[in-house]
Amino acid sequence: MKAVEAVSKEVAQKVAVEYLKRQKSTDRVDVSIIEKKREDWVIRGTCPIDMEGHPWAEKFKIIVDPKGKVKALDFALL
C-alpha cells in the first residue's frame, strides 16, 4: 500500500485562501501564520467583513488535512 503524499505549505495556504474567499465573499485574505501541527497545516490570518455597513476585521484559523481538505474552521471578530 502506497503512502499518501501530504500537501505542501503553499498548497495548504492556497486551499485555505480559496475556501475563505468563497465562504466570506471577499477578495482579500491576509495570511499571517502557517504552521504544521502533526500532519495538519494550521493557517491563521484576517479577512475583512461588512457588519451593517461598517468594515470590520475578522480573524480566522483554518486547519487543512494532509489530503488538502479543510478539516476545521474558526472565526472571531477583532
Protein backbone atom coordinates (compact mmCIF):
# COMPACT_ATOMS: atom_id res chain seq x y z
CA MET A 1 0.00 0.00 0.00
CA LYS A 2 1.44 3.35 -1.05
CA ALA A 3 1.54 6.21 1.49
CA VAL A 4 -0.44 9.33 0.62
CA GLU A 5 1.73 12.32 -0.24
CA ALA A 6 0.97 15.21 2.13
CA VAL A 7 0.19 18.64 0.68
CA SER A 8 2.85 21.32 0.85
CA LYS A 9 2.69 24.53 2.87
CA GLU A 10 1.93 26.52 -0.29
CA VAL A 11 -0.90 24.21 -1.36
CA ALA A 12 -2.42 24.29 2.14
CA GLN A 13 -2.35 28.10 2.10
CA LYS A 14 -3.98 28.22 -1.33
CA VAL A 15 -6.74 25.81 -0.20
CA ALA A 16 -7.44 27.95 2.89
CA VAL A 17 -7.48 31.26 0.98
CA GLU A 18 -9.77 29.95 -1.78
CA TYR A 19 -12.11 28.43 0.82
CA LEU A 20 -12.32 31.74 2.72
CA LYS A 21 -12.92 33.74 -0.45
CA ARG A 22 -15.93 31.53 -1.20
CA GLN A 23 -17.23 31.45 2.40
CA LYS A 24 -16.92 35.18 3.09
CA SER A 25 -17.46 36.52 -0.45
CA THR A 26 -14.27 38.57 -0.26
CA ASP A 27 -11.26 39.07 -2.49
CA ARG A 28 -8.90 39.95 0.36
CA VAL A 29 -7.49 37.37 2.76
CA ASP A 30 -4.37 38.20 4.77
CA VAL A 31 -2.47 35.12 5.97
CA SER A 32 -0.18 35.81 8.92
CA ILE A 33 0.92 32.38 10.19
CA ILE A 34 1.18 28.92 8.65
CA GLU A 35 2.35 26.14 10.94
CA LYS A 36 2.45 22.37 10.88
CA LYS A 37 0.65 20.57 13.74
CA ARG A 38 1.23 16.83 13.46
CA GLU A 39 0.05 16.01 9.91
CA ASP A 40 -2.22 19.05 9.53
CA TRP A 41 -1.48 22.63 8.45
CA VAL A 42 -2.88 25.46 10.60
CA ILE A 43 -3.39 28.72 8.71
CA ARG A 44 -4.18 31.93 10.64
CA GLY A 45 -4.87 35.47 9.50
CA THR A 46 -7.56 38.08 8.94
CA CYS A 47 -10.17 38.97 6.37
CA PRO A 48 -12.48 41.99 6.07
CA ILE A 49 -16.23 41.70 6.68
CA ASP A 50 -19.10 44.16 6.45
CA MET A 51 -21.33 44.45 9.51
CA GLU A 52 -24.34 46.65 8.83
CA GLY A 53 -22.38 48.92 6.53
CA HIS A 54 -19.29 49.16 8.75
CA PRO A 55 -16.00 47.49 7.82
CA TRP A 56 -14.56 45.12 10.43
CA ALA A 57 -11.71 42.67 10.52
CA GLU A 58 -12.29 39.05 11.39
CA LYS A 59 -9.51 36.68 12.40
CA PHE A 60 -9.59 33.10 11.24
CA LYS A 61 -7.94 29.77 11.88
CA ILE A 62 -8.30 27.03 9.30
CA ILE A 63 -6.95 23.50 9.63
CA VAL A 64 -6.11 21.74 6.37
CA ASP A 65 -5.54 17.98 6.46
CA PRO A 66 -2.71 16.17 4.61
CA LYS A 67 -5.04 15.49 1.65
CA GLY A 68 -5.74 19.22 1.16
CA LYS A 69 -9.24 19.28 2.65
CA VAL A 70 -10.48 21.87 5.15
CA LYS A 71 -10.80 19.97 8.42
CA ALA A 72 -11.83 22.77 10.82
CA LEU A 73 -12.60 26.47 10.72
CA ASP A 74 -12.80 29.13 13.43
CA PHE A 75 -13.68 32.84 13.17
CA ALA A 76 -13.65 35.70 15.70
CA LEU A 77 -14.05 39.47 15.42
CA LEU A 78 -11.02 41.57 16.22
